[in-house]
Amino acid sequence: MEPVKLVVLVLPGLFLAIGLVLVGLSLSASIRRRKSLRGWVVVPATVTGNLHGKGGPGSAGERFAPLYEFDDAHGRRWLGRSDLFGTDEEIVGTTISVLYNPADPAESTRPVFLLAKTRFMSGVILAIFGAGALAMFATVLGP
């Protein structure tokens, strides 16, 4: 195969591969979190306040994480705070769902699916661009 044809096919292939790696890395963090929370119990919790934070990767402005209280299976009351910050402040007194560890109810969190949106979308765009360019160049160059 001629060197020019090889380069024209390899570069889009690299874009496709890098895009798929980025998508995989983004999804693997979510899968690891879901596995680590397996066996935890979902209970209703009452919002008692909000933690305030500034910025972070991919954010612009103030971030919030709810403080809450919930009862475990034995009726004991526990206080907790979300380890996940979001853009919206929770209203004090409202009920939210919380996951807690039955072996150690002091461990609790919000039951949300995490996704590194910037990494995921970059990966999808690179993969689509790479696949499209690879298909286009493969048909144009022919055998």
C-alpha atoms as a PDB file:
ATOM      1  CA  MET A   1       0.000   0.000   0.000  1.00  0.00           C
ATOM      2  CA  GLU A   2       1.264   3.486  -0.806  1.00  0.00           C
ATOM      3  CA  PRO A   3       2.420   5.602   2.153  1.00  0.00           C
ATOM      4  CA  VAL A   4      -0.119   8.348   1.429  1.00  0.00           C
ATOM      5  CA  LYS A   5      -3.001   5.877   1.402  1.00  0.00           C
ATOM      6  CA  LEU A   6      -1.710   4.363   4.621  1.00  0.00           C
ATOM      7  CA  VAL A   7      -1.580   7.759   6.375  1.00  0.00           C
ATOM      8  CA  VAL A   8      -5.029   8.717   5.100  1.00  0.00           C
ATOM      9  CA  LEU A   9      -6.471   5.509   6.586  1.00  0.00           C
ATOM     10  CA  VAL A  10      -4.418   5.401   9.799  1.00  0.00           C
ATOM     11  CA  LEU A  11      -5.215   8.948  11.010  1.00  0.00           C
ATOM     12  CA  PRO A  12      -9.006   8.489  11.023  1.00  0.00           C
ATOM     13  CA  GLY A  13      -8.437   5.102  12.643  1.00  0.00           C
ATOM     14  CA  LEU A  14      -6.529   6.833  15.440  1.00  0.00           C
ATOM     15  CA  PHE A  15      -9.379   9.306  15.933  1.00  0.00           C
ATOM     16  CA  LEU A  16     -11.808   6.392  16.139  1.00  0.00           C
ATOM     17  CA  ALA A  17      -9.611   4.499  18.621  1.00  0.00           C
ATOM     18  CA  ILE A  18      -9.016   7.537  20.845  1.00  0.00           C
ATOM     19  CA  GLY A  19     -12.742   8.322  20.825  1.00  0.00           C
ATOM     20  CA  LEU A  20     -13.644   4.781  21.864  1.00  0.00           C
ATOM     21  CA  VAL A  21     -11.040   4.867  24.656  1.00  0.00           C
ATOM     22  CA  LEU A  22     -12.473   8.145  26.004  1.00  0.00           C
ATOM     23  CA  VAL A  23     -16.025   6.761  25.950  1.00  0.00           C
ATOM     24  CA  GLY A  24     -14.828   3.596  27.698  1.00  0.00           C
ATOM     25  CA  LEU A  25     -13.008   5.526  30.413  1.00  0.00           C
ATOM     26  CA  SER A  26     -16.064   7.667  31.052  1.00  0.00           C
ATOM     27  CA  LEU A  27     -18.370   4.671  31.352  1.00  0.00           C
ATOM     28  CA  SER A  28     -15.932   2.583  33.427  1.00  0.00           C
ATOM     29  CA  ALA A  29     -16.008   5.118  36.281  1.00  0.00           C
ATOM     30  CA  SER A  30     -19.798   4.842  36.376  1.00  0.00           C
ATOM     31  CA  ILE A  31     -19.693   1.056  36.348  1.00  0.00           C
ATOM     32  CA  ARG A  32     -17.121   0.996  39.180  1.00  0.00           C
ATOM     33  CA  ARG A  33     -19.326   3.306  41.288  1.00  0.00           C
ATOM     34  CA  ARG A  34     -22.393   1.165  40.649  1.00  0.00           C
ATOM     35  CA  LYS A  35     -20.511  -2.021  41.662  1.00  0.00           C
ATOM     36  CA  SER A  36     -19.163  -0.402  44.829  1.00  0.00           C
ATOM     37  CA  LEU A  37     -22.721   0.490  45.895  1.00  0.00           C
ATOM     38  CA  ARG A  38     -24.128  -2.992  45.260  1.00  0.00           C
ATOM     39  CA  GLY A  39     -26.022  -4.246  48.322  1.00  0.00           C
ATOM     40  CA  TRP A  40     -26.663  -0.771  49.697  1.00  0.00           C
ATOM     41  CA  VAL A  41     -30.248   0.061  50.692  1.00  0.00           C
ATOM     42  CA  VAL A  42     -32.368   2.860  49.224  1.00  0.00           C
ATOM     43  CA  VAL A  43     -34.285   4.913  51.807  1.00  0.00           C
ATOM     44  CA  PRO A  44     -36.053   8.268  51.816  1.00  0.00           C
ATOM     45  CA  ALA A  45     -34.135  11.093  53.473  1.00  0.00           C
ATOM     46  CA  THR A  46     -35.069  14.622  54.503  1.00  0.00           C
ATOM     47  CA  VAL A  47     -32.889  17.478  53.259  1.00  0.00           C
ATOM     48  CA  THR A  48     -31.547  19.507  56.215  1.00  0.00           C
ATOM     49  CA  GLY A  49     -29.246  21.886  54.349  1.00  0.00           C
ATOM     50  CA  ASN A  50     -26.768  22.319  51.535  1.00  0.00           C
ATOM     51  CA  LEU A  51     -23.000  22.456  51.299  1.00  0.00           C
ATOM     52  CA  HIS A  52     -21.692  25.194  49.038  1.00  0.00           C
ATOM     53  CA  GLY A  53     -18.628  24.861  46.870  1.00  0.00           C
ATOM     54  CA  LYS A  54     -16.949  26.807  44.147  1.00  0.00           C
ATOM     55  CA  GLY A  55     -16.305  25.501  40.685  1.00  0.00           C
ATOM     56  CA  GLY A  56     -14.390  22.434  39.772  1.00  0.00           C
ATOM     57  CA  PRO A  57     -13.548  20.682  36.528  1.00  0.00           C
ATOM     58  CA  GLY A  58     -16.059  21.604  33.863  1.00  0.00           C
ATOM     59  CA  SER A  59     -18.175  23.831  36.099  1.00  0.00           C
ATOM     60  CA  ALA A  60     -18.845  27.522  36.049  1.00  0.00           C
ATOM     61  CA  GLY A  61     -19.843  28.918  39.404  1.00  0.00           C
ATOM     62  CA  GLU A  62     -21.268  27.671  42.648  1.00  0.00           C
ATOM     63  CA  ARG A  63     -21.986  23.976  43.320  1.00  0.00           C
ATOM     64  CA  PHE A  64     -24.230  22.377  45.957  1.00  0.00           C
ATOM     65  CA  ALA A  65     -24.395  19.070  47.828  1.00  0.00           C
ATOM     66  CA  PRO A  66     -27.350  18.286  50.090  1.00  0.00           C
ATOM     67  CA  LEU A  67     -27.102  17.480  53.786  1.00  0.00           C
ATOM     68  CA  TYR A  68     -29.764  15.005  54.882  1.00  0.00           C
ATOM     69  CA  GLU A  69     -31.013  12.714  57.630  1.00  0.00           C
ATOM     70  CA  PHE A  70     -32.479   9.234  57.250  1.00  0.00           C
ATOM     71  CA  ASP A  71     -33.548   6.249  59.341  1.00  0.00           C
ATOM     72  CA  ASP A  72     -31.854   2.871  58.873  1.00  0.00           C
ATOM     73  CA  ALA A  73     -33.610  -0.520  58.968  1.00  0.00           C
ATOM     74  CA  HIS A  74     -33.386  -0.553  62.794  1.00  0.00           C
ATOM     75  CA  GLY A  75     -35.033   2.850  63.148  1.00  0.00           C
ATOM     76  CA  ARG A  76     -31.849   4.708  64.104  1.00  0.00           C
ATOM     77  CA  ARG A  77     -31.474   8.204  62.697  1.00  0.00           C
ATOM     78  CA  TRP A  78     -28.344   9.027  60.684  1.00  0.00           C
ATOM     79  CA  LEU A  79     -26.979  12.250  59.259  1.00  0.00           C
ATOM     80  CA  GLY A  80     -25.282  12.301  55.896  1.00  0.00           C
ATOM     81  CA  ARG A  81     -24.098  14.493  53.083  1.00  0.00           C
ATOM     82  CA  SER A  82     -23.921  13.833  49.408  1.00  0.00           C
ATOM     83  CA  ASP A  83     -20.467  13.275  47.963  1.00  0.00           C
ATOM     84  CA  LEU A  84     -21.781  14.595  44.636  1.00  0.00           C
ATOM     85  CA  PHE A  85     -22.055  18.312  43.982  1.00  0.00           C
ATOM     86  CA  GLY A  86     -24.576  19.663  41.490  1.00  0.00           C
ATOM     87  CA  THR A  87     -25.673  23.013  40.117  1.00  0.00           C
ATOM     88  CA  ASP A  88     -29.023  23.081  41.930  1.00  0.00           C
ATOM     89  CA  GLU A  89     -29.593  23.671  45.611  1.00  0.00           C
ATOM     90  CA  GLU A  90     -31.955  21.177  47.290  1.00  0.00           C
ATOM     91  CA  ILE A  91     -34.928  22.651  49.154  1.00  0.00           C
ATOM     92  CA  VAL A  92     -34.692  22.113  52.910  1.00  0.00           C
ATOM     93  CA  GLY A  93     -37.444  19.801  54.167  1.00  0.00           C
ATOM     94  CA  THR A  94     -37.978  17.937  50.882  1.00  0.00           C
ATOM     95  CA  THR A  95     -37.528  14.190  50.587  1.00  0.00           C
ATOM     96  CA  ILE A  96     -34.782  12.692  48.446  1.00  0.00           C
ATOM     97  CA  SER A  97     -33.620   9.113  47.866  1.00  0.00           C
ATOM     98  CA  VAL A  98     -30.418   8.011  49.576  1.00  0.00           C
ATOM     99  CA  LEU A  99     -28.339   4.826  49.443  1.00  0.00           C
ATOM    100  CA  TYR A 100     -26.712   3.650  52.669  1.00  0.00           C
ATOM    101  CA  ASN A 101     -24.414   0.781  53.555  1.00  0.00           C
ATOM    102  CA  PRO A 102     -26.293  -1.641  55.881  1.00  0.00           C
ATOM    103  CA  ALA A 103     -22.972  -2.765  57.417  1.00  0.00           C
ATOM    104  CA  ASP A 104     -22.062   0.869  58.228  1.00  0.00           C
ATOM    105  CA  PRO A 105     -25.009   3.302  57.936  1.00  0.00           C
ATOM    106  CA  ALA A 106     -22.618   6.232  58.391  1.00  0.00           C
ATOM    107  CA  GLU A 107     -21.721   5.597  54.735  1.00  0.00           C
ATOM    108  CA  SER A 108     -24.407   7.054  52.496  1.00  0.00           C
ATOM    109  CA  THR A 109     -24.732   8.818  49.157  1.00  0.00           C
ATOM    110  CA  ARG A 110     -27.203   9.847  46.480  1.00  0.00           C
ATOM    111  CA  PRO A 111     -28.168   7.072  44.005  1.00  0.00           C
ATOM    112  CA  VAL A 112     -27.166   8.771  40.774  1.00  0.00           C
ATOM    113  CA  PHE A 113     -25.505   7.545  37.615  1.00  0.00           C
ATOM    114  CA  LEU A 114     -22.257   9.430  37.096  1.00  0.00           C
ATOM    115  CA  LEU A 115     -20.902  10.239  33.692  1.00  0.00           C
ATOM    116  CA  ALA A 116     -17.899  12.379  32.826  1.00  0.00           C
ATOM    117  CA  LYS A 117     -19.885  14.361  30.264  1.00  0.00           C
ATOM    118  CA  THR A 118     -17.018  16.275  28.693  1.00  0.00           C
ATOM    119  CA  ARG A 119     -14.864  13.163  28.266  1.00  0.00           C
ATOM    120  CA  PHE A 120     -17.832  11.134  27.015  1.00  0.00           C
ATOM    121  CA  MET A 121     -18.958  13.729  24.458  1.00  0.00           C
ATOM    122  CA  SER A 122     -15.392  14.318  23.250  1.00  0.00           C
ATOM    123  CA  GLY A 123     -15.038  10.581  22.759  1.00  0.00           C
ATOM    124  CA  VAL A 124     -18.312  10.307  20.863  1.00  0.00           C
ATOM    125  CA  ILE A 125     -17.394  13.205  18.570  1.00  0.00           C
ATOM    126  CA  LEU A 126     -13.917  11.792  17.882  1.00  0.00           C
ATOM    127  CA  ALA A 127     -15.317   8.312  17.249  1.00  0.00           C
ATOM    128  CA  ILE A 128     -17.985   9.585  14.845  1.00  0.00           C
ATOM    129  CA  PHE A 129     -15.465  11.772  13.016  1.00  0.00           C
ATOM    130  CA  GLY A 130     -12.946   8.921  12.811  1.00  0.00           C
ATOM    131  CA  ALA A 131     -15.492   6.366  11.636  1.00  0.00           C
ATOM    132  CA  GLY A 132     -16.926   8.747   9.042  1.00  0.00           C
ATOM    133  CA  ALA A 133     -13.524   9.756   7.714  1.00  0.00           C
ATOM    134  CA  LEU A 134     -12.352   6.140   7.652  1.00  0.00           C
ATOM    135  CA  ALA A 135     -15.436   5.067   5.696  1.00  0.00           C
ATOM    136  CA  MET A 136     -15.143   7.982   3.302  1.00  0.00           C
ATOM    137  CA  PHE A 137     -11.433   7.547   2.614  1.00  0.00           C
ATOM    138  CA  ALA A 138     -11.749   3.771   2.313  1.00  0.00           C
ATOM    139  CA  THR A 139     -14.400   4.098  -0.392  1.00  0.00           C
ATOM    140  CA  VAL A 140     -12.623   6.928  -2.228  1.00  0.00           C
ATOM    141  CA  LEU A 141      -9.239   5.228  -2.259  1.00  0.00           C
ATOM    142  CA  GLY A 142     -10.673   1.844  -3.152  1.00  0.00           C
ATOM    143  CA  PRO A 143      -8.583  -1.294  -3.607  1.00  0.00           C
END
